[in-house]
Amino acid sequence: MAELPDHYESLEVSSKATLDEMERAYEARLAELLASRVEDAPEELAEVELAYSVLRDPAKRARYDEDDAALQSPELAAGISRVKG
């Protein structure tokens, strides 16, 4: 079963966030994770980097949102689950 990360959750923004809002959230998450001494901070940092790289690009974001819409349809989402948290 394929798993898709929730990029909006990784950046702690809504799916309606503007590019400026995402950039501020990205910078805040980076600062938070870089200051963190938590063991899984490097993994979370990689998730945040990936999320921002996808969501800051209009074409990649549109594709991601299309795939997200497909996940909402039980018929199209068969075999695919979204990773939360």
PDB file of N, CA and C in Angstrom:
ATOM      1  N   MET A   1       0.844  -1.176   0.000  1.00  0.00           N
ATOM      2  CA  MET A   1       0.000   0.000   0.000  1.00  0.00           C
ATOM      3  C   MET A   1       0.890   1.239   0.000  1.00  0.00           C
ATOM      4  N   ALA A   2       0.660   2.160  -0.921  1.00  0.00           N
ATOM      5  CA  ALA A   2       1.442   3.395  -1.010  1.00  0.00           C
ATOM      6  C   ALA A   2       0.986   4.373   0.065  1.00  0.00           C
ATOM      7  N   GLU A   3       1.934   5.136   0.563  1.00  0.00           N
ATOM      8  CA  GLU A   3       1.604   6.131   1.574  1.00  0.00           C
ATOM      9  C   GLU A   3       2.024   7.498   1.067  1.00  0.00           C
ATOM     10  N   LEU A   4       1.141   8.473   1.184  1.00  0.00           N
ATOM     11  CA  LEU A   4       1.448   9.838   0.789  1.00  0.00           C
ATOM     12  C   LEU A   4       1.535  10.704   2.030  1.00  0.00           C
ATOM     13  N   PRO A   5       2.604  11.483   2.164  1.00  0.00           N
ATOM     14  CA  PRO A   5       2.710  12.367   3.328  1.00  0.00           C
ATOM     15  C   PRO A   5       1.726  13.523   3.215  1.00  0.00           C
ATOM     16  N   ASP A   6       1.329  14.056   4.333  1.00  0.00           N
ATOM     17  CA  ASP A   6       0.463  15.228   4.357  1.00  0.00           C
ATOM     18  C   ASP A   6       1.371  16.452   4.442  1.00  0.00           C
ATOM     19  N   HIS A   7       1.659  17.039   3.290  1.00  0.00           N
ATOM     20  CA  HIS A   7       2.593  18.160   3.241  1.00  0.00           C
ATOM     21  C   HIS A   7       2.067  19.391   3.982  1.00  0.00           C
ATOM     22  N   TYR A   8       0.773  19.609   3.925  1.00  0.00           N
ATOM     23  CA  TYR A   8       0.212  20.764   4.635  1.00  0.00           C
ATOM     24  C   TYR A   8       0.394  20.596   6.142  1.00  0.00           C
ATOM     25  N   GLU A   9       0.196  19.387   6.615  1.00  0.00           N
ATOM     26  CA  GLU A   9       0.378  19.115   8.039  1.00  0.00           C
ATOM     27  C   GLU A   9       1.846  19.253   8.438  1.00  0.00           C
ATOM     28  N   SER A  10       2.740  18.822   7.572  1.00  0.00           N
ATOM     29  CA  SER A  10       4.177  18.942   7.854  1.00  0.00           C
ATOM     30  C   SER A  10       4.590  20.390   8.057  1.00  0.00           C
ATOM     31  N   LEU A  11       3.977  21.293   7.273  1.00  0.00           N
ATOM     32  CA  LEU A  11       4.283  22.720   7.403  1.00  0.00           C
ATOM     33  C   LEU A  11       3.375  23.429   8.402  1.00  0.00           C
ATOM     34  N   GLU A  12       2.375  22.706   8.889  1.00  0.00           N
ATOM     35  CA  GLU A  12       1.404  23.265   9.836  1.00  0.00           C
ATOM     36  C   GLU A  12       0.660  24.462   9.239  1.00  0.00           C
ATOM     37  N   VAL A  13       0.181  24.280   7.988  1.00  0.00           N
ATOM     38  CA  VAL A  13      -0.616  25.288   7.295  1.00  0.00           C
ATOM     39  C   VAL A  13      -1.860  24.623   6.729  1.00  0.00           C
ATOM     40  N   SER A  14      -2.829  25.443   6.354  1.00  0.00           N
ATOM     41  CA  SER A  14      -4.036  24.905   5.720  1.00  0.00           C
ATOM     42  C   SER A  14      -3.785  24.732   4.225  1.00  0.00           C
ATOM     43  N   SER A  15      -4.651  23.997   3.583  1.00  0.00           N
ATOM     44  CA  SER A  15      -4.516  23.793   2.138  1.00  0.00           C
ATOM     45  C   SER A  15      -4.817  25.068   1.356  1.00  0.00           C
ATOM     46  N   LYS A  16      -5.325  26.081   2.031  1.00  0.00           N
ATOM     47  CA  LYS A  16      -5.619  27.378   1.400  1.00  0.00           C
ATOM     48  C   LYS A  16      -4.500  28.385   1.627  1.00  0.00           C
ATOM     49  N   ALA A  17      -3.399  27.958   2.258  1.00  0.00           N
ATOM     50  CA  ALA A  17      -2.299  28.866   2.593  1.00  0.00           C
ATOM     51  C   ALA A  17      -1.683  29.474   1.334  1.00  0.00           C
ATOM     52  N   THR A  18      -1.321  30.740   1.454  1.00  0.00           N
ATOM     53  CA  THR A  18      -0.629  31.415   0.359  1.00  0.00           C
ATOM     54  C   THR A  18       0.842  31.021   0.385  1.00  0.00           C
ATOM     55  N   LEU A  19       1.551  31.360  -0.675  1.00  0.00           N
ATOM     56  CA  LEU A  19       2.978  31.073  -0.737  1.00  0.00           C
ATOM     57  C   LEU A  19       3.716  31.785   0.402  1.00  0.00           C
ATOM     58  N   ASP A  20       3.334  33.028   0.692  1.00  0.00           N
ATOM     59  CA  ASP A  20       3.970  33.765   1.796  1.00  0.00           C
ATOM     60  C   ASP A  20       3.724  33.077   3.138  1.00  0.00           C
ATOM     61  N   GLU A  21       2.505  32.605   3.354  1.00  0.00           N
ATOM     62  CA  GLU A  21       2.190  31.897   4.601  1.00  0.00           C
ATOM     63  C   GLU A  21       2.996  30.608   4.709  1.00  0.00           C
ATOM     64  N   MET A  22       3.133  29.899   3.595  1.00  0.00           N
ATOM     65  CA  MET A  22       3.906  28.660   3.608  1.00  0.00           C
ATOM     66  C   MET A  22       5.387  28.939   3.871  1.00  0.00           C
ATOM     67  N   GLU A  23       5.897  30.012   3.275  1.00  0.00           N
ATOM     68  CA  GLU A  23       7.301  30.356   3.490  1.00  0.00           C
ATOM     69  C   GLU A  23       7.566  30.690   4.955  1.00  0.00           C
ATOM     70  N   ARG A  24       6.676  31.467   5.566  1.00  0.00           N
ATOM     71  CA  ARG A  24       6.834  31.800   6.995  1.00  0.00           C
ATOM     72  C   ARG A  24       6.742  30.535   7.853  1.00  0.00           C
ATOM     73  N   ALA A  25       5.796  29.662   7.534  1.00  0.00           N
ATOM     74  CA  ALA A  25       5.638  28.418   8.290  1.00  0.00           C
ATOM     75  C   ALA A  25       6.861  27.524   8.119  1.00  0.00           C
ATOM     76  N   TYR A  26       7.378  27.455   6.902  1.00  0.00           N
ATOM     77  CA  TYR A  26       8.576  26.661   6.613  1.00  0.00           C
ATOM     78  C   TYR A  26       9.753  27.155   7.443  1.00  0.00           C
ATOM     79  N   GLU A  27       9.963  28.462   7.433  1.00  0.00           N
ATOM     80  CA  GLU A  27      11.083  29.029   8.194  1.00  0.00           C
ATOM     81  C   GLU A  27      10.904  28.793   9.693  1.00  0.00           C
ATOM     82  N   ALA A  28       9.684  28.909  10.183  1.00  0.00           N
ATOM     83  CA  ALA A  28       9.420  28.672  11.607  1.00  0.00           C
ATOM     84  C   ALA A  28       9.663  27.211  11.974  1.00  0.00           C
ATOM     85  N   ARG A  29       9.206  26.289  11.119  1.00  0.00           N
ATOM     86  CA  ARG A  29       9.414  24.857  11.385  1.00  0.00           C
ATOM     87  C   ARG A  29      10.897  24.510  11.339  1.00  0.00           C
ATOM     88  N   LEU A  30      11.626  25.096  10.383  1.00  0.00           N
ATOM     89  CA  LEU A  30      13.065  24.851  10.311  1.00  0.00           C
ATOM     90  C   LEU A  30      13.746  25.311  11.600  1.00  0.00           C
ATOM     91  N   ALA A  31      13.442  26.512  12.018  1.00  0.00           N
ATOM     92  CA  ALA A  31      14.049  27.043  13.238  1.00  0.00           C
ATOM     93  C   ALA A  31      13.718  26.156  14.432  1.00  0.00           C
ATOM     94  N   GLU A  32      12.476  25.734  14.512  1.00  0.00           N
ATOM     95  CA  GLU A  32      12.033  24.860  15.611  1.00  0.00           C
ATOM     96  C   GLU A  32      12.790  23.530  15.600  1.00  0.00           C
ATOM     97  N   LEU A  33      12.895  22.922  14.432  1.00  0.00           N
ATOM     98  CA  LEU A  33      13.537  21.612  14.332  1.00  0.00           C
ATOM     99  C   LEU A  33      15.051  21.696  14.489  1.00  0.00           C
ATOM    100  N   LEU A  34      15.652  22.748  13.967  1.00  0.00           N
ATOM    101  CA  LEU A  34      17.099  22.892  14.099  1.00  0.00           C
ATOM    102  C   LEU A  34      17.506  23.156  15.541  1.00  0.00           C
ATOM    103  N   ALA A  35      16.633  23.792  16.303  1.00  0.00           N
ATOM    104  CA  ALA A  35      16.905  24.065  17.713  1.00  0.00           C
ATOM    105  C   ALA A  35      16.575  22.857  18.593  1.00  0.00           C
ATOM    106  N   SER A  36      15.828  21.931  18.033  1.00  0.00           N
ATOM    107  CA  SER A  36      15.376  20.766  18.787  1.00  0.00           C
ATOM    108  C   SER A  36      16.507  19.770  19.004  1.00  0.00           C
ATOM    109  N   ARG A  37      16.454  19.130  20.132  1.00  0.00           N
ATOM    110  CA  ARG A  37      17.419  18.066  20.427  1.00  0.00           C
ATOM    111  C   ARG A  37      16.717  16.704  20.401  1.00  0.00           C
ATOM    112  N   VAL A  38      15.544  16.650  19.808  1.00  0.00           N
ATOM    113  CA  VAL A  38      14.767  15.425  19.703  1.00  0.00           C
ATOM    114  C   VAL A  38      15.416  14.507  18.670  1.00  0.00           C
ATOM    115  N   GLU A  39      15.438  13.221  18.956  1.00  0.00           N
ATOM    116  CA  GLU A  39      16.088  12.248  18.077  1.00  0.00           C
ATOM    117  C   GLU A  39      15.523  12.217  16.662  1.00  0.00           C
ATOM    118  N   ASP A  40      14.205  12.378  16.522  1.00  0.00           N
ATOM    119  CA  ASP A  40      13.610  12.278  15.190  1.00  0.00           C
ATOM    120  C   ASP A  40      13.568  13.614  14.452  1.00  0.00           C
ATOM    121  N   ALA A  41      14.247  14.629  14.961  1.00  0.00           N
ATOM    122  CA  ALA A  41      14.281  15.926  14.292  1.00  0.00           C
ATOM    123  C   ALA A  41      14.819  15.831  12.860  1.00  0.00           C
ATOM    124  N   PRO A  42      15.875  15.052  12.587  1.00  0.00           N
ATOM    125  CA  PRO A  42      16.342  14.959  11.196  1.00  0.00           C
ATOM    126  C   PRO A  42      15.286  14.394  10.243  1.00  0.00           C
ATOM    127  N   GLU A  43      14.509  13.426  10.703  1.00  0.00           N
ATOM    128  CA  GLU A  43      13.447  12.868   9.864  1.00  0.00           C
ATOM    129  C   GLU A  43      12.357  13.907   9.625  1.00  0.00           C
ATOM    130  N   GLU A  44      11.987  14.623  10.676  1.00  0.00           N
ATOM    131  CA  GLU A  44      10.972  15.665  10.534  1.00  0.00           C
ATOM    132  C   GLU A  44      11.475  16.786   9.634  1.00  0.00           C
ATOM    133  N   LEU A  45      12.751  17.107   9.747  1.00  0.00           N
ATOM    134  CA  LEU A  45      13.347  18.137   8.898  1.00  0.00           C
ATOM    135  C   LEU A  45      13.249  17.726   7.433  1.00  0.00           C
ATOM    136  N   ALA A  46      13.523  16.479   7.131  1.00  0.00           N
ATOM    137  CA  ALA A  46      13.412  15.978   5.759  1.00  0.00           C
ATOM    138  C   ALA A  46      11.970  16.070   5.267  1.00  0.00           C
ATOM    139  N   GLU A  47      10.995  15.773   6.130  1.00  0.00           N
ATOM    140  CA  GLU A  47       9.581  15.877   5.759  1.00  0.00           C
ATOM    141  C   GLU A  47       9.206  17.319   5.451  1.00  0.00           C
ATOM    142  N   VAL A  48       9.683  18.246   6.269  1.00  0.00           N
ATOM    143  CA  VAL A  48       9.384  19.671   6.075  1.00  0.00           C
ATOM    144  C   VAL A  48      10.025  20.171   4.777  1.00  0.00           C
ATOM    145  N   GLU A  49      11.257  19.762   4.532  1.00  0.00           N
ATOM    146  CA  GLU A  49      11.950  20.146   3.290  1.00  0.00           C
ATOM    147  C   GLU A  49      11.172  19.639   2.065  1.00  0.00           C
ATOM    148  N   LEU A  50      10.743  18.386   2.110  1.00  0.00           N
ATOM    149  CA  LEU A  50       9.984  17.810   1.005  1.00  0.00           C
ATOM    150  C   LEU A  50       8.658  18.543   0.820  1.00  0.00           C
ATOM    151  N   ALA A  51       7.964  18.780   1.913  1.00  0.00           N
ATOM    152  CA  ALA A  51       6.672  19.466   1.845  1.00  0.00           C
ATOM    153  C   ALA A  51       6.813  20.830   1.192  1.00  0.00           C
ATOM    154  N   TYR A  52       7.807  21.586   1.630  1.00  0.00           N
ATOM    155  CA  TYR A  52       7.990  22.926   1.077  1.00  0.00           C
ATOM    156  C   TYR A  52       8.398  22.872  -0.388  1.00  0.00           C
ATOM    157  N   SER A  53       9.230  21.909  -0.756  1.00  0.00           N
ATOM    158  CA  SER A  53       9.655  21.806  -2.156  1.00  0.00           C
ATOM    159  C   SER A  53       8.480  21.497  -3.080  1.00  0.00           C
ATOM    160  N   VAL A  54       7.514  20.747  -2.582  1.00  0.00           N
ATOM    161  CA  VAL A  54       6.328  20.427  -3.385  1.00  0.00           C
ATOM    162  C   VAL A  54       5.351  21.597  -3.397  1.00  0.00           C
ATOM    163  N   LEU A  55       5.044  22.143  -2.232  1.00  0.00           N
ATOM    164  CA  LEU A  55       3.979  23.140  -2.139  1.00  0.00           C
ATOM    165  C   LEU A  55       4.372  24.524  -2.646  1.00  0.00           C
ATOM    166  N   ARG A  56       5.649  24.836  -2.718  1.00  0.00           N
ATOM    167  CA  ARG A  56       6.047  26.164  -3.202  1.00  0.00           C
ATOM    168  C   ARG A  56       6.003  26.254  -4.722  1.00  0.00           C
ATOM    169  N   ASP A  57       5.999  25.107  -5.399  1.00  0.00           N
ATOM    170  CA  ASP A  57       5.955  25.063  -6.860  1.00  0.00           C
ATOM    171  C   ASP A  57       4.501  24.909  -7.297  1.00  0.00           C
ATOM    172  N   PRO A  58       3.951  25.897  -8.020  1.00  0.00           N
ATOM    173  CA  PRO A  58       2.526  25.831  -8.392  1.00  0.00           C
ATOM    174  C   PRO A  58       2.124  24.552  -9.128  1.00  0.00           C
ATOM    175  N   ALA A  59       2.954  24.077 -10.031  1.00  0.00           N
ATOM    176  CA  ALA A  59       2.610  22.861 -10.783  1.00  0.00           C
ATOM    177  C   ALA A  59       2.633  21.629  -9.879  1.00  0.00           C
ATOM    178  N   LYS A  60       3.664  21.536  -9.029  1.00  0.00           N
ATOM    179  CA  LYS A  60       3.749  20.394  -8.114  1.00  0.00           C
ATOM    180  C   LYS A  60       2.622  20.441  -7.094  1.00  0.00           C
ATOM    181  N   ARG A  61       2.278  21.642  -6.626  1.00  0.00           N
ATOM    182  CA  ARG A  61       1.193  21.781  -5.643  1.00  0.00           C
ATOM    183  C   ARG A  61      -0.137  21.373  -6.257  1.00  0.00           C
ATOM    184  N   ALA A  62      -0.372  21.784  -7.496  1.00  0.00           N
ATOM    185  CA  ALA A  62      -1.621  21.412  -8.175  1.00  0.00           C
ATOM    186  C   ALA A  62      -1.715  19.899  -8.317  1.00  0.00           C
ATOM    187  N   ARG A  63      -0.617  19.266  -8.694  1.00  0.00           N
ATOM    188  CA  ARG A  63      -0.603  17.805  -8.832  1.00  0.00           C
ATOM    189  C   ARG A  63      -0.845  17.129  -7.472  1.00  0.00           C
ATOM    190  N   TYR A  64      -0.177  17.646  -6.443  1.00  0.00           N
ATOM    191  CA  TYR A  64      -0.353  17.105  -5.089  1.00  0.00           C
ATOM    192  C   TYR A  64      -1.817  17.234  -4.657  1.00  0.00           C
ATOM    193  N   ASP A  65      -2.407  18.415  -4.906  1.00  0.00           N
ATOM    194  CA  ASP A  65      -3.803  18.628  -4.518  1.00  0.00           C
ATOM    195  C   ASP A  65      -4.743  17.727  -5.316  1.00  0.00           C
ATOM    196  N   GLU A  66      -4.432  17.475  -6.582  1.00  0.00           N
ATOM    197  CA  GLU A  66      -5.243  16.551  -7.390  1.00  0.00           C
ATOM    198  C   GLU A  66      -5.171  15.145  -6.804  1.00  0.00           C
ATOM    199  N   ASP A  67      -3.971  14.723  -6.450  1.00  0.00           N
ATOM    200  CA  ASP A  67      -3.806  13.402  -5.847  1.00  0.00           C
ATOM    201  C   ASP A  67      -4.533  13.334  -4.513  1.00  0.00           C
ATOM    202  N   ASP A  68      -4.513  14.438  -3.749  1.00  0.00           N
ATOM    203  CA  ASP A  68      -5.213  14.493  -2.478  1.00  0.00           C
ATOM    204  C   ASP A  68      -6.720  14.344  -2.697  1.00  0.00           C
ATOM    205  N   ALA A  69      -7.242  14.989  -3.728  1.00  0.00           N
ATOM    206  CA  ALA A  69      -8.668  14.860  -4.043  1.00  0.00           C
ATOM    207  C   ALA A  69      -8.990  13.415  -4.387  1.00  0.00           C
ATOM    208  N   ALA A  70      -8.093  12.754  -5.096  1.00  0.00           N
ATOM    209  CA  ALA A  70      -8.306  11.345  -5.447  1.00  0.00           C
ATOM    210  C   ALA A  70      -8.349  10.482  -4.192  1.00  0.00           C
ATOM    211  N   LEU A  71      -7.560  10.853  -3.200  1.00  0.00           N
ATOM    212  CA  LEU A  71      -7.552  10.079  -1.956  1.00  0.00           C
ATOM    213  C   LEU A  71      -8.876  10.182  -1.207  1.00  0.00           C
ATOM    214  N   GLN A  72      -9.613  11.258  -1.461  1.00  0.00           N
ATOM    215  CA  GLN A  72     -10.891  11.447  -0.786  1.00  0.00           C
ATOM    216  C   GLN A  72     -11.982  10.552  -1.371  1.00  0.00           C
ATOM    217  N   SER A  73     -11.756  10.028  -2.562  1.00  0.00           N
ATOM    218  CA  SER A  73     -12.715   9.139  -3.210  1.00  0.00           C
ATOM    219  C   SER A  73     -12.358   7.697  -2.880  1.00  0.00           C
ATOM    220  N   PRO A  74     -13.248   6.966  -2.197  1.00  0.00           N
ATOM    221  CA  PRO A  74     -12.942   5.578  -1.830  1.00  0.00           C
ATOM    222  C   PRO A  74     -12.590   4.705  -3.028  1.00  0.00           C
ATOM    223  N   GLU A  75     -13.224   4.953  -4.161  1.00  0.00           N
ATOM    224  CA  GLU A  75     -12.951   4.142  -5.345  1.00  0.00           C
ATOM    225  C   GLU A  75     -11.537   4.398  -5.861  1.00  0.00           C
ATOM    226  N   LEU A  76     -11.102   5.667  -5.855  1.00  0.00           N
ATOM    227  CA  LEU A  76      -9.792   6.009  -6.382  1.00  0.00           C
ATOM    228  C   LEU A  76      -8.683   5.794  -5.360  1.00  0.00           C
ATOM    229  N   ALA A  77      -9.041   5.771  -4.093  1.00  0.00           N
ATOM    230  CA  ALA A  77      -8.039   5.670  -3.039  1.00  0.00           C
ATOM    231  C   ALA A  77      -7.745   4.236  -2.619  1.00  0.00           C
ATOM    232  N   ALA A  78      -8.360   3.282  -3.277  1.00  0.00           N
ATOM    233  CA  ALA A  78      -8.127   1.885  -2.904  1.00  0.00           C
ATOM    234  C   ALA A  78      -6.643   1.584  -2.932  1.00  0.00           C
ATOM    235  N   GLY A  79      -6.120   1.095  -1.824  1.00  0.00           N
ATOM    236  CA  GLY A  79      -4.718   0.754  -1.754  1.00  0.00           C
ATOM    237  C   GLY A  79      -3.795   1.906  -1.409  1.00  0.00           C
ATOM    238  N   ILE A  80      -4.335   3.092  -1.173  1.00  0.00           N
ATOM    239  CA  ILE A  80      -3.511   4.257  -0.844  1.00  0.00           C
ATOM    240  C   ILE A  80      -3.992   4.820   0.481  1.00  0.00           C
ATOM    241  N   SER A  81      -3.071   5.121   1.380  1.00  0.00           N
ATOM    242  CA  SER A  81      -3.449   5.754   2.633  1.00  0.00           C
ATOM    243  C   SER A  81      -2.582   6.966   2.881  1.00  0.00           C
ATOM    244  N   ARG A  82      -3.091   7.930   3.592  1.00  0.00           N
ATOM    245  CA  ARG A  82      -2.370   9.146   3.908  1.00  0.00           C
ATOM    246  C   ARG A  82      -1.722   8.983   5.275  1.00  0.00           C
ATOM    247  N   VAL A  83      -0.475   9.379   5.353  1.00  0.00           N
ATOM    248  CA  VAL A  83       0.258   9.334   6.612  1.00  0.00           C
ATOM    249  C   VAL A  83      -0.079  10.598   7.392  1.00  0.00           C
ATOM    250  N   LYS A  84      -0.476  10.442   8.619  1.00  0.00           N
ATOM    251  CA  LYS A  84      -0.774  11.586   9.475  1.00  0.00           C
ATOM    252  C   LYS A  84       0.252  11.670  10.571  1.00  0.00           C
ATOM    253  N   GLY A  85       0.563  12.937  10.906  1.00  0.00           N
ATOM    254  CA  GLY A  85       1.367  13.236  12.068  1.00  0.00           C
ATOM    255  C   GLY A  85       2.738  12.822  11.988  1.00  0.00           C
TER     256      GLY A  85
END
